[in-house]
Structure formats: structure tokens, C-alpha cells
PDB file of N, CA and C in Angstrom:
ATOM      1  N   MET A   1      20.274  -0.087 -27.362  1.00  0.00           N
ATOM      2  CA  MET A   1      19.748   1.136 -26.795  1.00  0.00           C
ATOM      3  C   MET A   1      20.538   2.159 -26.760  1.00  0.00           C
ATOM      4  N   HIS A   2      20.298   3.276 -27.267  1.00  0.00           N
ATOM      5  CA  HIS A   2      21.125   4.523 -27.305  1.00  0.00           C
ATOM      6  C   HIS A   2      21.083   5.105 -26.119  1.00  0.00           C
ATOM      7  N   LEU A   3      22.135   6.052 -25.759  1.00  0.00           N
ATOM      8  CA  LEU A   3      22.312   6.661 -24.480  1.00  0.00           C
ATOM      9  C   LEU A   3      20.923   7.536 -24.015  1.00  0.00           C
ATOM     10  N   SER A   4      20.438   8.343 -25.202  1.00  0.00           N
ATOM     11  CA  SER A   4      19.481   8.896 -24.907  1.00  0.00           C
ATOM     12  C   SER A   4      18.082   8.297 -24.673  1.00  0.00           C
ATOM     13  N   GLU A   5      18.002   7.239 -25.353  1.00  0.00           N
ATOM     14  CA  GLU A   5      16.760   6.230 -25.274  1.00  0.00           C
ATOM     15  C   GLU A   5      16.845   5.636 -23.750  1.00  0.00           C
ATOM     16  N   GLN A   6      18.098   5.246 -23.334  1.00  0.00           N
ATOM     17  CA  GLN A   6      18.267   4.663 -21.937  1.00  0.00           C
ATOM     18  C   GLN A   6      17.909   5.604 -20.990  1.00  0.00           C
ATOM     19  N   LYS A   7      18.458   6.917 -21.169  1.00  0.00           N
ATOM     20  CA  LYS A   7      18.233   7.848 -20.065  1.00  0.00           C
ATOM     21  C   LYS A   7      16.770   8.091 -19.962  1.00  0.00           C
ATOM     22  N   LYS A   8      15.931   8.259 -21.187  1.00  0.00           N
ATOM     23  CA  LYS A   8      14.537   8.468 -21.177  1.00  0.00           C
ATOM     24  C   LYS A   8      13.848   7.279 -20.607  1.00  0.00           C
ATOM     25  N   THR A   9      14.135   6.144 -20.748  1.00  0.00           N
ATOM     26  CA  THR A   9      13.555   4.987 -20.271  1.00  0.00           C
ATOM     27  C   THR A   9      13.722   4.997 -18.580  1.00  0.00           C
ATOM     28  N   LEU A  10      14.943   5.326 -18.235  1.00  0.00           N
ATOM     29  CA  LEU A  10      15.284   5.205 -16.659  1.00  0.00           C
ATOM     30  C   LEU A  10      14.379   6.565 -16.082  1.00  0.00           C
ATOM     31  N   ALA A  11      14.225   7.577 -16.853  1.00  0.00           N
ATOM     32  CA  ALA A  11      13.755   8.817 -16.280  1.00  0.00           C
ATOM     33  C   ALA A  11      12.200   8.552 -16.156  1.00  0.00           C
ATOM     34  N   GLU A  12      11.507   7.709 -17.100  1.00  0.00           N
ATOM     35  CA  GLU A  12      10.145   7.447 -17.021  1.00  0.00           C
ATOM     36  C   GLU A  12       9.942   6.496 -15.906  1.00  0.00           C
ATOM     37  N   ALA A  13      10.821   5.518 -15.844  1.00  0.00           N
ATOM     38  CA  ALA A  13      10.704   4.538 -14.793  1.00  0.00           C
ATOM     39  C   ALA A  13      10.768   4.976 -13.363  1.00  0.00           C
ATOM     40  N   ALA A  14      11.858   5.848 -13.240  1.00  0.00           N
ATOM     41  CA  ALA A  14      12.041   6.431 -11.921  1.00  0.00           C
ATOM     42  C   ALA A  14      10.833   7.327 -11.672  1.00  0.00           C
ATOM     43  N   GLY A  15      10.253   8.049 -12.617  1.00  0.00           N
ATOM     44  CA  GLY A  15       9.026   8.729 -12.321  1.00  0.00           C
ATOM     45  C   GLY A  15       7.743   7.762 -11.914  1.00  0.00           C
ATOM     46  N   GLU A  16       7.808   6.874 -12.593  1.00  0.00           N
ATOM     47  CA  GLU A  16       6.648   5.903 -12.311  1.00  0.00           C
ATOM     48  C   GLU A  16       6.875   5.295 -10.804  1.00  0.00           C
ATOM     49  N   ILE A  17       7.988   4.818 -10.562  1.00  0.00           N
ATOM     50  CA  ILE A  17       8.409   4.208  -9.329  1.00  0.00           C
ATOM     51  C   ILE A  17       8.132   5.335  -8.220  1.00  0.00           C
ATOM     52  N   GLN A  18       8.441   6.527  -8.204  1.00  0.00           N
ATOM     53  CA  GLN A  18       8.275   7.471  -7.441  1.00  0.00           C
ATOM     54  C   GLN A  18       6.687   7.804  -7.203  1.00  0.00           C
ATOM     55  N   GLN A  19       6.054   7.805  -8.240  1.00  0.00           N
ATOM     56  CA  GLN A  19       4.564   7.881  -8.084  1.00  0.00           C
ATOM     57  C   GLN A  19       3.829   6.859  -7.352  1.00  0.00           C
ATOM     58  N   LEU A  20       4.257   5.668  -7.665  1.00  0.00           N
ATOM     59  CA  LEU A  20       3.759   4.582  -6.938  1.00  0.00           C
ATOM     60  C   LEU A  20       4.235   4.585  -5.448  1.00  0.00           C
ATOM     61  N   LEU A  21       5.436   4.806  -5.085  1.00  0.00           N
ATOM     62  CA  LEU A  21       5.794   5.085  -3.793  1.00  0.00           C
ATOM     63  C   LEU A  21       5.140   6.108  -2.906  1.00  0.00           C
ATOM     64  N   LYS A  22       4.788   7.179  -3.707  1.00  0.00           N
ATOM     65  CA  LYS A  22       3.956   8.455  -3.142  1.00  0.00           C
ATOM     66  C   LYS A  22       2.512   7.834  -2.761  1.00  0.00           C
ATOM     67  N   GLN A  23       1.936   6.997  -3.739  1.00  0.00           N
ATOM     68  CA  GLN A  23       0.525   6.607  -3.536  1.00  0.00           C
ATOM     69  C   GLN A  23       0.592   5.671  -2.291  1.00  0.00           C
ATOM     70  N   LEU A  24       1.637   4.760  -2.305  1.00  0.00           N
ATOM     71  CA  LEU A  24       1.576   3.936  -0.920  1.00  0.00           C
ATOM     72  C   LEU A  24       1.737   4.739   0.294  1.00  0.00           C
ATOM     73  N   GLU A  25       2.732   5.742   0.107  1.00  0.00           N
ATOM     74  CA  GLU A  25       2.841   6.590   1.527  1.00  0.00           C
ATOM     75  C   GLU A  25       1.455   7.360   1.911  1.00  0.00           C
ATOM     76  N   LYS A  26       0.527   7.561   1.046  1.00  0.00           N
ATOM     77  CA  LYS A  26      -0.764   8.021   1.425  1.00  0.00           C
ATOM     78  C   LYS A  26      -1.545   7.122   2.176  1.00  0.00           C
ATOM     79  N   THR A  27      -1.526   5.682   1.675  1.00  0.00           N
ATOM     80  CA  THR A  27      -2.221   4.690   2.393  1.00  0.00           C
ATOM     81  C   THR A  27      -1.509   4.149   3.558  1.00  0.00           C
ATOM     82  N   ASN A  28      -0.204   4.054   3.346  1.00  0.00           N
ATOM     83  CA  ASN A  28       0.544   3.438   4.397  1.00  0.00           C
ATOM     84  C   ASN A  28       1.960   4.170   4.724  1.00  0.00           C
ATOM     85  N   PRO A  29       1.791   5.325   5.558  1.00  0.00           N
ATOM     86  CA  PRO A  29       3.054   6.198   5.694  1.00  0.00           C
ATOM     87  C   PRO A  29       4.232   5.487   6.411  1.00  0.00           C
ATOM     88  N   ILE A  30       4.048   4.441   7.066  1.00  0.00           N
ATOM     89  CA  ILE A  30       4.989   3.801   7.957  1.00  0.00           C
ATOM     90  C   ILE A  30       5.455   2.413   7.206  1.00  0.00           C
ATOM     91  N   ALA A  31       5.116   2.078   5.852  1.00  0.00           N
ATOM     92  CA  ALA A  31       5.603   1.184   5.084  1.00  0.00           C
ATOM     93  C   ALA A  31       7.211   0.824   5.254  1.00  0.00           C
ATOM     94  N   THR A  32       7.489  -0.333   5.268  1.00  0.00           N
ATOM     95  CA  THR A  32       8.812  -0.764   5.428  1.00  0.00           C
ATOM     96  C   THR A  32       9.370  -0.931   3.959  1.00  0.00           C
ATOM     97  N   GLU A  33      10.673  -1.016   3.865  1.00  0.00           N
ATOM     98  CA  GLU A  33      11.320  -0.952   2.560  1.00  0.00           C
ATOM     99  C   GLU A  33      10.879  -2.164   1.864  1.00  0.00           C
ATOM    100  N   ALA A  34      10.654  -3.391   2.484  1.00  0.00           N
ATOM    101  CA  ALA A  34      10.230  -4.528   1.915  1.00  0.00           C
ATOM    102  C   ALA A  34       8.826  -4.458   1.382  1.00  0.00           C
ATOM    103  N   GLU A  35       7.951  -3.708   2.269  1.00  0.00           N
ATOM    104  CA  GLU A  35       6.558  -3.484   1.843  1.00  0.00           C
ATOM    105  C   GLU A  35       6.556  -2.527   0.487  1.00  0.00           C
ATOM    106  N   LYS A  36       7.394  -1.573   0.453  1.00  0.00           N
ATOM    107  CA  LYS A  36       7.495  -0.778  -0.736  1.00  0.00           C
ATOM    108  C   LYS A  36       8.003  -1.682  -1.878  1.00  0.00           C
ATOM    109  N   VAL A  37       8.914  -2.462  -1.709  1.00  0.00           N
ATOM    110  CA  VAL A  37       9.342  -3.101  -2.947  1.00  0.00           C
ATOM    111  C   VAL A  37       8.240  -4.079  -3.296  1.00  0.00           C
ATOM    112  N   ALA A  38       7.369  -4.746  -2.363  1.00  0.00           N
ATOM    113  CA  ALA A  38       6.399  -5.685  -2.696  1.00  0.00           C
ATOM    114  C   ALA A  38       5.224  -4.806  -3.435  1.00  0.00           C
ATOM    115  N   TYR A  39       4.918  -3.603  -3.099  1.00  0.00           N
ATOM    116  CA  TYR A  39       3.880  -2.852  -3.594  1.00  0.00           C
ATOM    117  C   TYR A  39       4.352  -2.562  -5.038  1.00  0.00           C
ATOM    118  N   VAL A  40       5.536  -1.986  -5.374  1.00  0.00           N
ATOM    119  CA  VAL A  40       5.983  -1.645  -6.555  1.00  0.00           C
ATOM    120  C   VAL A  40       6.064  -2.648  -7.672  1.00  0.00           C
ATOM    121  N   ASN A  41       6.511  -4.019  -7.051  1.00  0.00           N
ATOM    122  CA  ASN A  41       6.414  -5.289  -7.911  1.00  0.00           C
ATOM    123  C   ASN A  41       5.221  -5.489  -8.343  1.00  0.00           C
ATOM    124  N   ASP A  42       4.118  -5.453  -7.390  1.00  0.00           N
ATOM    125  CA  ASP A  42       2.678  -5.869  -7.472  1.00  0.00           C
ATOM    126  C   ASP A  42       2.057  -4.916  -8.679  1.00  0.00           C
ATOM    127  N   GLU A  43       2.505  -3.578  -8.781  1.00  0.00           N
ATOM    128  CA  GLU A  43       1.714  -2.669  -9.524  1.00  0.00           C
ATOM    129  C   GLU A  43       2.398  -2.397 -10.751  1.00  0.00           C
ATOM    130  N   THR A  44       3.505  -3.094 -11.113  1.00  0.00           N
ATOM    131  CA  THR A  44       4.331  -2.746 -12.364  1.00  0.00           C
ATOM    132  C   THR A  44       4.046  -4.180 -13.275  1.00  0.00           C
ATOM    133  N   THR A  45       4.263  -4.027 -14.556  1.00  0.00           N
ATOM    134  CA  THR A  45       4.277  -5.179 -15.425  1.00  0.00           C
ATOM    135  C   THR A  45       5.491  -5.763 -15.724  1.00  0.00           C
ATOM    136  N   ARG A  46       5.549  -7.063 -16.149  1.00  0.00           N
ATOM    137  CA  ARG A  46       6.807  -7.674 -16.414  1.00  0.00           C
ATOM    138  C   ARG A  46       7.567  -7.004 -17.565  1.00  0.00           C
ATOM    139  N   SER A  47       6.755  -6.292 -18.452  1.00  0.00           N
ATOM    140  CA  SER A  47       7.168  -5.625 -19.633  1.00  0.00           C
ATOM    141  C   SER A  47       7.966  -4.395 -19.206  1.00  0.00           C
ATOM    142  N   PHE A  48       7.361  -3.566 -18.212  1.00  0.00           N
ATOM    143  CA  PHE A  48       8.129  -2.511 -17.695  1.00  0.00           C
ATOM    144  C   PHE A  48       9.160  -2.834 -16.934  1.00  0.00           C
ATOM    145  N   LYS A  49       9.202  -3.860 -16.123  1.00  0.00           N
ATOM    146  CA  LYS A  49      10.536  -4.256 -15.465  1.00  0.00           C
ATOM    147  C   LYS A  49      11.579  -4.655 -16.441  1.00  0.00           C
ATOM    148  N   ARG A  50      11.333  -5.519 -17.607  1.00  0.00           N
ATOM    149  CA  ARG A  50      12.148  -5.862 -18.509  1.00  0.00           C
ATOM    150  C   ARG A  50      12.900  -4.537 -19.140  1.00  0.00           C
ATOM    151  N   ARG A  51      12.005  -3.594 -19.510  1.00  0.00           N
ATOM    152  CA  ARG A  51      12.448  -2.213 -20.358  1.00  0.00           C
ATOM    153  C   ARG A  51      13.542  -1.612 -19.349  1.00  0.00           C
ATOM    154  N   VAL A  52      13.067  -1.575 -17.843  1.00  0.00           N
ATOM    155  CA  VAL A  52      13.953  -0.795 -16.897  1.00  0.00           C
ATOM    156  C   VAL A  52      15.243  -1.572 -16.717  1.00  0.00           C
ATOM    157  N   VAL A  53      15.189  -2.916 -16.539  1.00  0.00           N
ATOM    158  CA  VAL A  53      16.457  -3.813 -16.522  1.00  0.00           C
ATOM    159  C   VAL A  53      17.280  -3.619 -17.637  1.00  0.00           C
ATOM    160  N   GLY A  54      16.771  -3.725 -18.867  1.00  0.00           N
ATOM    161  CA  GLY A  54      17.484  -3.480 -19.927  1.00  0.00           C
ATOM    162  C   GLY A  54      18.224  -2.395 -20.172  1.00  0.00           C
ATOM    163  N   ALA A  55      17.618  -0.996 -19.814  1.00  0.00           N
ATOM    164  CA  ALA A  55      18.164   0.445 -19.725  1.00  0.00           C
ATOM    165  C   ALA A  55      19.183   0.419 -18.714  1.00  0.00           C
ATOM    166  N   LEU A  56      18.977  -0.296 -17.534  1.00  0.00           N
ATOM    167  CA  LEU A  56      19.972  -0.216 -16.527  1.00  0.00           C
ATOM    168  C   LEU A  56      21.350  -1.064 -16.938  1.00  0.00           C
ATOM    169  N   GLN A  57      20.967  -2.048 -17.386  1.00  0.00           N
ATOM    170  CA  GLN A  57      22.259  -2.987 -17.779  1.00  0.00           C
ATOM    171  C   GLN A  57      22.948  -2.326 -18.947  1.00  0.00           C
ATOM    172  N   ALA A  58      22.333  -1.449 -19.812  1.00  0.00           N
ATOM    173  CA  ALA A  58      23.057  -0.839 -20.675  1.00  0.00           C
ATOM    174  C   ALA A  58      23.892   0.085 -20.354  1.00  0.00           C
ATOM    175  N   GLY A  59      23.513   0.967 -19.007  1.00  0.00           N
ATOM    176  CA  GLY A  59      24.299   1.928 -18.543  1.00  0.00           C
ATOM    177  C   GLY A  59      24.898   1.561 -17.246  1.00  0.00           C
ATOM    178  N   SER A  60      24.375   2.163 -16.252  1.00  0.00           N
ATOM    179  CA  SER A  60      25.121   2.042 -14.909  1.00  0.00           C
ATOM    180  C   SER A  60      24.108   2.164 -13.701  1.00  0.00           C
ATOM    181  N   GLU A  61      24.418   1.731 -12.490  1.00  0.00           N
ATOM    182  CA  GLU A  61      23.600   2.095 -11.469  1.00  0.00           C
ATOM    183  C   GLU A  61      23.456   3.412 -11.161  1.00  0.00           C
ATOM    184  N   ALA A  62      24.581   4.249 -11.329  1.00  0.00           N
ATOM    185  CA  ALA A  62      24.501   5.555 -11.144  1.00  0.00           C
ATOM    186  C   ALA A  62      23.512   6.315 -11.985  1.00  0.00           C
ATOM    187  N   ALA A  63      23.246   5.694 -13.197  1.00  0.00           N
ATOM    188  CA  ALA A  63      22.143   6.495 -14.036  1.00  0.00           C
ATOM    189  C   ALA A  63      20.834   6.554 -13.417  1.00  0.00           C
ATOM    190  N   ILE A  64      20.397   5.554 -12.720  1.00  0.00           N
ATOM    191  CA  ILE A  64      19.052   5.467 -12.064  1.00  0.00           C
ATOM    192  C   ILE A  64      19.173   6.413 -10.941  1.00  0.00           C
ATOM    193  N   GLU A  65      20.128   6.605 -10.224  1.00  0.00           N
ATOM    194  CA  GLU A  65      20.167   7.612  -9.011  1.00  0.00           C
ATOM    195  C   GLU A  65      19.914   8.867  -9.535  1.00  0.00           C
ATOM    196  N   GLU A  66      20.557   9.210 -10.914  1.00  0.00           N
ATOM    197  CA  GLU A  66      20.204  10.580 -11.222  1.00  0.00           C
ATOM    198  C   GLU A  66      18.868  10.960 -11.328  1.00  0.00           C
ATOM    199  N   PHE A  67      17.916   9.990 -11.531  1.00  0.00           N
ATOM    200  CA  PHE A  67      16.570  10.405 -11.766  1.00  0.00           C
ATOM    201  C   PHE A  67      15.672  10.091 -10.588  1.00  0.00           C
ATOM    202  N   LEU A  68      16.140   9.522  -9.611  1.00  0.00           N
ATOM    203  CA  LEU A  68      15.263   9.176  -8.308  1.00  0.00           C
ATOM    204  C   LEU A  68      15.565  10.262  -7.138  1.00  0.00           C
ATOM    205  N   GLY A  69      14.663  10.882  -6.926  1.00  0.00           N
ATOM    206  CA  GLY A  69      14.788  11.765  -5.567  1.00  0.00           C
ATOM    207  C   GLY A  69      15.427  11.248  -4.413  1.00  0.00           C
ATOM    208  N   ASN A  70      16.106  11.717  -3.645  1.00  0.00           N
ATOM    209  CA  ASN A  70      16.865  11.313  -2.484  1.00  0.00           C
ATOM    210  C   ASN A  70      15.908  10.333  -1.415  1.00  0.00           C
ATOM    211  N   PRO A  71      14.740  10.658  -1.220  1.00  0.00           N
ATOM    212  CA  PRO A  71      13.974   9.768  -0.483  1.00  0.00           C
ATOM    213  C   PRO A  71      13.573   8.371  -1.014  1.00  0.00           C
ATOM    214  N   TYR A  72      13.909   8.293  -2.390  1.00  0.00           N
ATOM    215  CA  TYR A  72      13.347   6.989  -3.101  1.00  0.00           C
ATOM    216  C   TYR A  72      14.517   6.316  -3.659  1.00  0.00           C
ATOM    217  N   VAL A  73      15.836   6.718  -3.437  1.00  0.00           N
ATOM    218  CA  VAL A  73      17.100   6.098  -4.133  1.00  0.00           C
ATOM    219  C   VAL A  73      17.155   4.699  -3.628  1.00  0.00           C
ATOM    220  N   ASN A  74      17.146   4.481  -2.339  1.00  0.00           N
ATOM    221  CA  ASN A  74      17.555   3.131  -1.807  1.00  0.00           C
ATOM    222  C   ASN A  74      16.471   2.243  -2.130  1.00  0.00           C
ATOM    223  N   VAL A  75      15.279   2.499  -1.842  1.00  0.00           N
ATOM    224  CA  VAL A  75      14.057   1.620  -2.202  1.00  0.00           C
ATOM    225  C   VAL A  75      14.140   1.404  -3.841  1.00  0.00           C
ATOM    226  N   GLY A  76      14.194   2.482  -4.500  1.00  0.00           N
ATOM    227  CA  GLY A  76      14.187   2.432  -6.016  1.00  0.00           C
ATOM    228  C   GLY A  76      15.186   1.372  -6.479  1.00  0.00           C
ATOM    229  N   LYS A  77      16.486   1.585  -6.009  1.00  0.00           N
ATOM    230  CA  LYS A  77      17.636   0.650  -6.154  1.00  0.00           C
ATOM    231  C   LYS A  77      17.380  -0.887  -5.732  1.00  0.00           C
ATOM    232  N   ALA A  78      16.671  -1.170  -4.736  1.00  0.00           N
ATOM    233  CA  ALA A  78      16.417  -2.336  -4.243  1.00  0.00           C
ATOM    234  C   ALA A  78      15.389  -3.061  -5.167  1.00  0.00           C
ATOM    235  N   ILE A  79      14.377  -2.197  -5.695  1.00  0.00           N
ATOM    236  CA  ILE A  79      13.309  -2.772  -6.595  1.00  0.00           C
ATOM    237  C   ILE A  79      13.856  -3.301  -7.850  1.00  0.00           C
ATOM    238  N   VAL A  80      14.745  -2.267  -8.545  1.00  0.00           N
ATOM    239  CA  VAL A  80      15.367  -2.625  -9.830  1.00  0.00           C
ATOM    240  C   VAL A  80      16.328  -3.907  -9.544  1.00  0.00           C
ATOM    241  N   LYS A  81      17.086  -3.952  -8.543  1.00  0.00           N
ATOM    242  CA  LYS A  81      17.966  -4.924  -8.467  1.00  0.00           C
ATOM    243  C   LYS A  81      17.170  -6.376  -8.256  1.00  0.00           C
ATOM    244  N   GLY A  82      16.197  -6.171  -7.547  1.00  0.00           N
ATOM    245  CA  GLY A  82      15.262  -7.448  -7.533  1.00  0.00           C
ATOM    246  C   GLY A  82      14.917  -7.852  -8.896  1.00  0.00           C
ATOM    247  N   TRP A  83      14.359  -6.929  -9.890  1.00  0.00           N
ATOM    248  CA  TRP A  83      14.075  -7.312 -11.070  1.00  0.00           C
ATOM    249  C   TRP A  83      15.186  -7.907 -11.867  1.00  0.00           C
ATOM    250  N   MET A  84      16.404  -7.592 -11.722  1.00  0.00           N
ATOM    251  CA  MET A  84      17.519  -7.964 -12.455  1.00  0.00           C
ATOM    252  C   MET A  84      18.104  -9.461 -12.079  1.00  0.00           C
ATOM    253  N   LYS A  85      17.430 -10.150 -10.895  1.00  0.00           N
ATOM    254  CA  LYS A  85      17.768 -11.202 -10.535  1.00  0.00           C
ATOM    255  C   LYS A  85      16.979 -12.158 -11.361  1.00  0.00           C
ATOM    256  N   PRO A  86      17.449 -13.472 -11.764  1.00  0.00           N
ATOM    257  CA  PRO A  86      16.546 -14.313 -12.417  1.00  0.00           C
ATOM    258  C   PRO A  86      15.432 -14.932 -11.406  1.00  0.00           C
ATOM    259  N   GLU A  87      14.433 -15.210 -12.092  1.00  0.00           N
ATOM    260  CA  GLU A  87      13.146 -15.780 -11.242  1.00  0.00           C
ATOM    261  C   GLU A  87      13.431 -17.136 -11.253  1.00  0.00           C
TER     262      GLU A  87
END
């Protein structure tokens, strides 16, 4: 995966994760980090998760931070790190 492809994949993933977290905030504004992680896991496909993990492994953790706005950095990192662990 080329750097530009990797950045595009991570940017799209970060946008989708942010959108899902914003949707959850509307229905559950006091959701815990664990609830946020579970929600995003339930709402995303295995294919999406594999793409994000592949792009992140090709780059660095700092790359995803570049695309996630501050309120979503920690939960976004927790979500993606969870996807990187073998099931």
C-alpha cells in the first residue's frame, strides 16, 4: 500500500469512526469508552476493519491521530488497536 493510499484509507476510516461516534453521542451522550468501542465494532464490517488495520500497520499509530479530531483520538485508537488483536 502506497503512502498516499494508506493516508486516504486512514482518513476515510477516521471520518467513518467519527461519524459513528457522533451518532452514538446523539442517542447516548454519556456512553463510556467501552460502549463507544462496542458500538463502532458492531457498526463496522470485518472488511473495513481489515483495511484500517492493514493501513495502520503499514504506517504508524501517529498516522491515525492525524485524522482523528481530539475528542475522538483515544477511543479511535482503542477501537483500531482492538481490531489489530487476533480473534
